[in-house]
Amino acid sequence: MVEVRNDVYGERKSGAGKTLLIVAVVIAAVVGLLFATGFWSADVKEGALPEVSVKGGDMPDVDVKSKEVVVGTKETTVDVPKVETEEKKIDVPVVGVKDD
């Protein structure tokens, strides 16, 4: 009888995600321990938000000084190449099949 073992041909899975999770948990535990023992401390001072008032419904005043775009045509003389064709009789190769 033949014995088939799945672990020989099994898929190899990467443990990078698991490793990163373990490292993050260990770092969080060390930081928490340092704060809990008083080795690290945070001095937090009270603060206040600034007073903000908003007036809505008005568009901002904008003074735009722009150039005027002028579109049109003007007559100008330019050199234009002239192409000419002529007819000539020449021998052209022909390919065909001759039936016996």
N, C-alpha and C. Protein backbone atom coordinates (compact mmCIF):
# COMPACT_ATOMS: atom_id res chain seq x y z
N MET A 1 0.84 -1.18 0.00
CA MET A 1 0.00 0.00 0.00
C MET A 1 0.89 1.24 0.00
N VAL A 2 0.46 2.28 -0.73
CA VAL A 2 1.24 3.50 -0.87
C VAL A 2 0.72 4.54 0.11
N GLU A 3 1.66 5.15 0.81
CA GLU A 3 1.28 6.20 1.77
C GLU A 3 1.60 7.57 1.15
N VAL A 4 0.61 8.44 1.12
CA VAL A 4 0.78 9.77 0.56
C VAL A 4 0.83 10.76 1.72
N ARG A 5 1.88 11.53 1.73
CA ARG A 5 2.02 12.54 2.80
C ARG A 5 1.79 13.92 2.21
N ASN A 6 0.89 14.66 2.79
CA ASN A 6 0.55 16.00 2.30
C ASN A 6 1.61 17.03 2.65
N ASP A 7 2.38 16.77 3.69
CA ASP A 7 3.34 17.79 4.10
C ASP A 7 4.53 17.88 3.16
N VAL A 8 4.77 16.86 2.35
CA VAL A 8 5.89 16.90 1.41
C VAL A 8 5.57 17.84 0.24
N TYR A 9 4.38 17.77 -0.27
CA TYR A 9 3.98 18.59 -1.41
C TYR A 9 3.04 19.73 -1.01
N GLY A 10 2.94 20.02 0.26
CA GLY A 10 2.02 21.05 0.72
C GLY A 10 2.48 22.44 0.32
N GLU A 11 1.56 23.38 0.39
CA GLU A 11 1.86 24.76 0.04
C GLU A 11 2.70 25.39 1.15
N ARG A 12 3.63 26.21 0.73
CA ARG A 12 4.44 26.93 1.71
C ARG A 12 3.84 28.32 1.83
N LYS A 13 3.39 28.68 3.01
CA LYS A 13 2.73 29.97 3.21
C LYS A 13 3.70 30.93 3.89
N SER A 14 3.65 32.17 3.46
CA SER A 14 4.52 33.18 4.03
C SER A 14 3.94 33.65 5.37
N GLY A 15 4.80 33.83 6.35
CA GLY A 15 4.36 34.26 7.67
C GLY A 15 4.70 35.71 7.93
N ALA A 16 4.87 36.53 6.88
CA ALA A 16 5.26 37.92 7.06
C ALA A 16 4.18 38.72 7.78
N GLY A 17 2.94 38.50 7.46
CA GLY A 17 1.85 39.23 8.12
C GLY A 17 1.76 38.89 9.59
N LYS A 18 1.92 37.60 9.90
CA LYS A 18 1.87 37.17 11.29
C LYS A 18 3.05 37.74 12.06
N THR A 19 4.22 37.77 11.44
CA THR A 19 5.42 38.31 12.09
C THR A 19 5.26 39.80 12.38
N LEU A 20 4.74 40.56 11.41
CA LEU A 20 4.53 41.99 11.63
C LEU A 20 3.52 42.25 12.74
N LEU A 21 2.49 41.45 12.82
CA LEU A 21 1.49 41.61 13.88
C LEU A 21 2.11 41.35 15.25
N ILE A 22 2.94 40.32 15.35
CA ILE A 22 3.59 40.00 16.63
C ILE A 22 4.53 41.13 17.04
N VAL A 23 5.30 41.66 16.09
CA VAL A 23 6.22 42.76 16.39
C VAL A 23 5.45 43.99 16.85
N ALA A 24 4.33 44.31 16.20
CA ALA A 24 3.53 45.48 16.59
C ALA A 24 2.94 45.31 17.99
N VAL A 25 2.48 44.11 18.32
CA VAL A 25 1.93 43.86 19.66
C VAL A 25 3.01 43.98 20.72
N VAL A 26 4.20 43.47 20.43
CA VAL A 26 5.31 43.55 21.40
C VAL A 26 5.71 45.01 21.62
N ILE A 27 5.79 45.80 20.54
CA ILE A 27 6.15 47.22 20.69
C ILE A 27 5.09 47.96 21.50
N ALA A 28 3.81 47.70 21.23
CA ALA A 28 2.73 48.36 21.98
C ALA A 28 2.80 47.97 23.46
N ALA A 29 3.11 46.71 23.75
CA ALA A 29 3.20 46.27 25.15
C ALA A 29 4.36 46.94 25.86
N VAL A 30 5.50 47.08 25.18
CA VAL A 30 6.67 47.72 25.80
C VAL A 30 6.38 49.19 26.06
N VAL A 31 5.78 49.89 25.10
CA VAL A 31 5.45 51.31 25.29
C VAL A 31 4.45 51.46 26.43
N GLY A 32 3.44 50.60 26.49
CA GLY A 32 2.46 50.66 27.58
C GLY A 32 3.12 50.42 28.93
N LEU A 33 4.05 49.48 29.00
CA LEU A 33 4.76 49.19 30.25
C LEU A 33 5.62 50.38 30.68
N LEU A 34 6.27 51.04 29.72
CA LEU A 34 7.10 52.20 30.05
C LEU A 34 6.26 53.35 30.59
N PHE A 35 5.08 53.57 30.02
CA PHE A 35 4.20 54.62 30.54
C PHE A 35 3.63 54.22 31.91
N ALA A 36 3.27 52.95 32.08
CA ALA A 36 2.65 52.50 33.33
C ALA A 36 3.63 52.56 34.49
N THR A 37 4.89 52.30 34.25
CA THR A 37 5.88 52.33 35.34
C THR A 37 6.39 53.72 35.62
N GLY A 38 6.07 54.68 34.80
CA GLY A 38 6.52 56.05 35.03
C GLY A 38 7.87 56.34 34.39
N PHE A 39 8.43 55.38 33.69
CA PHE A 39 9.70 55.60 33.02
C PHE A 39 9.55 56.67 31.94
N TRP A 40 8.44 56.62 31.24
CA TRP A 40 8.07 57.66 30.30
C TRP A 40 6.86 58.38 30.85
N SER A 41 6.76 59.68 30.61
CA SER A 41 5.58 60.42 31.02
C SER A 41 5.26 61.45 29.95
N ALA A 42 4.01 61.80 29.87
CA ALA A 42 3.59 62.79 28.89
C ALA A 42 2.98 63.96 29.64
N ASP A 43 3.51 65.16 29.39
CA ASP A 43 3.01 66.37 30.03
C ASP A 43 2.07 67.05 29.04
N VAL A 44 0.77 66.93 29.28
CA VAL A 44 -0.24 67.47 28.38
C VAL A 44 -0.82 68.72 28.99
N LYS A 45 -0.76 69.82 28.23
CA LYS A 45 -1.32 71.08 28.71
C LYS A 45 -2.66 71.30 28.05
N GLU A 46 -3.54 71.99 28.77
CA GLU A 46 -4.86 72.25 28.23
C GLU A 46 -4.77 73.27 27.11
N GLY A 47 -5.60 73.12 26.13
CA GLY A 47 -5.63 74.06 25.02
C GLY A 47 -7.06 74.44 24.71
N ALA A 48 -7.23 75.41 23.82
CA ALA A 48 -8.56 75.87 23.44
C ALA A 48 -8.58 76.08 21.93
N LEU A 49 -9.73 75.83 21.37
CA LEU A 49 -9.90 76.05 19.95
C LEU A 49 -10.13 77.53 19.68
N PRO A 50 -9.63 78.04 18.58
CA PRO A 50 -9.86 79.45 18.28
C PRO A 50 -11.31 79.69 17.89
N GLU A 51 -11.77 80.92 18.11
CA GLU A 51 -13.12 81.30 17.72
C GLU A 51 -13.16 81.47 16.21
N VAL A 52 -14.12 80.86 15.58
CA VAL A 52 -14.24 80.92 14.13
C VAL A 52 -15.65 81.36 13.78
N SER A 53 -15.75 82.35 12.89
CA SER A 53 -17.07 82.76 12.41
C SER A 53 -17.05 82.71 10.88
N VAL A 54 -18.15 82.27 10.34
CA VAL A 54 -18.24 82.11 8.90
C VAL A 54 -19.48 82.83 8.40
N LYS A 55 -19.29 83.62 7.35
CA LYS A 55 -20.42 84.31 6.74
C LYS A 55 -20.61 83.66 5.37
N GLY A 56 -21.74 83.08 5.13
CA GLY A 56 -21.95 82.36 3.89
C GLY A 56 -22.78 83.11 2.89
N GLY A 57 -22.78 82.65 1.66
CA GLY A 57 -23.66 83.18 0.63
C GLY A 57 -23.07 84.28 -0.22
N ASP A 58 -21.88 84.77 0.04
CA ASP A 58 -21.28 85.84 -0.76
C ASP A 58 -20.12 85.29 -1.58
N MET A 59 -20.09 85.69 -2.84
CA MET A 59 -18.96 85.32 -3.69
C MET A 59 -17.82 86.28 -3.42
N PRO A 60 -16.61 85.83 -3.54
CA PRO A 60 -15.48 86.74 -3.31
C PRO A 60 -15.37 87.76 -4.43
N ASP A 61 -14.95 88.98 -4.10
CA ASP A 61 -14.73 90.02 -5.09
C ASP A 61 -13.39 89.78 -5.76
N VAL A 62 -13.41 89.67 -7.09
CA VAL A 62 -12.20 89.41 -7.85
C VAL A 62 -12.08 90.45 -8.94
N ASP A 63 -10.94 91.11 -9.01
CA ASP A 63 -10.67 92.09 -10.05
C ASP A 63 -9.63 91.47 -10.99
N VAL A 64 -10.08 91.03 -12.15
CA VAL A 64 -9.20 90.36 -13.10
C VAL A 64 -8.90 91.30 -14.25
N LYS A 65 -7.61 91.50 -14.50
CA LYS A 65 -7.19 92.29 -15.66
C LYS A 65 -6.51 91.33 -16.61
N SER A 66 -7.15 91.13 -17.75
CA SER A 66 -6.67 90.13 -18.70
C SER A 66 -6.49 90.76 -20.07
N LYS A 67 -5.71 90.13 -20.91
CA LYS A 67 -5.53 90.57 -22.28
C LYS A 67 -6.72 90.09 -23.12
N GLU A 68 -6.98 90.81 -24.20
CA GLU A 68 -8.06 90.42 -25.09
C GLU A 68 -7.49 89.53 -26.19
N VAL A 69 -8.15 88.44 -26.46
CA VAL A 69 -7.73 87.52 -27.51
C VAL A 69 -8.47 87.89 -28.79
N VAL A 70 -7.69 88.15 -29.84
CA VAL A 70 -8.26 88.55 -31.12
C VAL A 70 -8.02 87.42 -32.11
N VAL A 71 -9.08 86.96 -32.77
CA VAL A 71 -8.98 85.88 -33.74
C VAL A 71 -9.45 86.40 -35.08
N GLY A 72 -8.67 86.12 -36.13
CA GLY A 72 -9.06 86.59 -37.45
C GLY A 72 -8.13 86.03 -38.51
N THR A 73 -8.15 86.61 -39.70
CA THR A 73 -7.27 86.18 -40.78
C THR A 73 -6.61 87.40 -41.39
N LYS A 74 -5.46 87.16 -42.04
CA LYS A 74 -4.82 88.21 -42.82
C LYS A 74 -4.19 87.56 -44.04
N GLU A 75 -4.07 88.32 -45.11
CA GLU A 75 -3.54 87.79 -46.35
C GLU A 75 -2.03 87.88 -46.34
N THR A 76 -1.35 86.74 -46.64
CA THR A 76 0.10 86.66 -46.63
C THR A 76 0.56 85.83 -47.82
N THR A 77 1.73 86.10 -48.34
CA THR A 77 2.29 85.33 -49.44
C THR A 77 3.31 84.34 -48.87
N VAL A 78 3.13 83.05 -49.21
CA VAL A 78 4.05 82.01 -48.76
C VAL A 78 4.45 81.16 -49.95
N ASP A 79 5.62 80.51 -49.88
CA ASP A 79 6.06 79.60 -50.92
C ASP A 79 5.38 78.26 -50.74
N VAL A 80 4.73 77.78 -51.81
CA VAL A 80 4.03 76.50 -51.78
C VAL A 80 4.66 75.61 -52.84
N PRO A 81 5.11 74.39 -52.49
CA PRO A 81 5.71 73.52 -53.50
C PRO A 81 4.67 73.07 -54.52
N LYS A 82 5.12 72.92 -55.78
CA LYS A 82 4.22 72.51 -56.85
C LYS A 82 4.61 71.09 -57.25
N VAL A 83 3.65 70.19 -57.23
CA VAL A 83 3.87 68.81 -57.58
C VAL A 83 3.20 68.54 -58.93
N GLU A 84 3.98 67.98 -59.87
CA GLU A 84 3.44 67.69 -61.18
C GLU A 84 3.55 66.20 -61.45
N THR A 85 2.61 65.67 -62.19
CA THR A 85 2.66 64.27 -62.60
C THR A 85 2.58 64.21 -64.11
N GLU A 86 3.15 63.14 -64.69
CA GLU A 86 3.07 62.93 -66.12
C GLU A 86 2.91 61.45 -66.39
N GLU A 87 2.33 61.10 -67.51
CA GLU A 87 2.13 59.71 -67.90
C GLU A 87 3.27 59.26 -68.78
N LYS A 88 3.83 58.05 -68.48
CA LYS A 88 4.86 57.43 -69.29
C LYS A 88 4.49 55.98 -69.48
N LYS A 89 4.88 55.40 -70.59
CA LYS A 89 4.66 53.98 -70.83
C LYS A 89 5.93 53.25 -70.43
N ILE A 90 5.79 52.29 -69.47
CA ILE A 90 6.92 51.49 -69.03
C ILE A 90 6.50 50.04 -68.98
N ASP A 91 7.47 49.10 -68.95
CA ASP A 91 7.18 47.68 -68.81
C ASP A 91 7.11 47.33 -67.33
N VAL A 92 6.01 46.71 -66.93
CA VAL A 92 5.78 46.34 -65.55
C VAL A 92 5.81 44.80 -65.48
N PRO A 93 6.51 44.22 -64.50
CA PRO A 93 6.54 42.77 -64.39
C PRO A 93 5.15 42.21 -64.05
N VAL A 94 4.84 41.05 -64.67
CA VAL A 94 3.55 40.41 -64.47
C VAL A 94 3.81 38.99 -64.04
N VAL A 95 3.08 38.52 -63.04
CA VAL A 95 3.18 37.14 -62.56
C VAL A 95 1.87 36.45 -62.86
N GLY A 96 1.93 35.24 -63.43
CA GLY A 96 0.72 34.52 -63.76
C GLY A 96 0.97 33.03 -63.75
N VAL A 97 -0.07 32.26 -63.97
CA VAL A 97 0.02 30.80 -64.01
C VAL A 97 -0.46 30.35 -65.38
N LYS A 98 0.34 29.50 -66.04
CA LYS A 98 0.00 29.01 -67.35
C LYS A 98 -0.48 27.57 -67.21
N ASP A 99 -1.65 27.29 -67.73
CA ASP A 99 -2.22 25.95 -67.63
C ASP A 99 -1.85 25.16 -68.87
N ASP A 100 -1.28 23.93 -68.73
CA ASP A 100 -0.90 23.11 -69.87
C ASP A 100 -2.09 22.49 -70.52
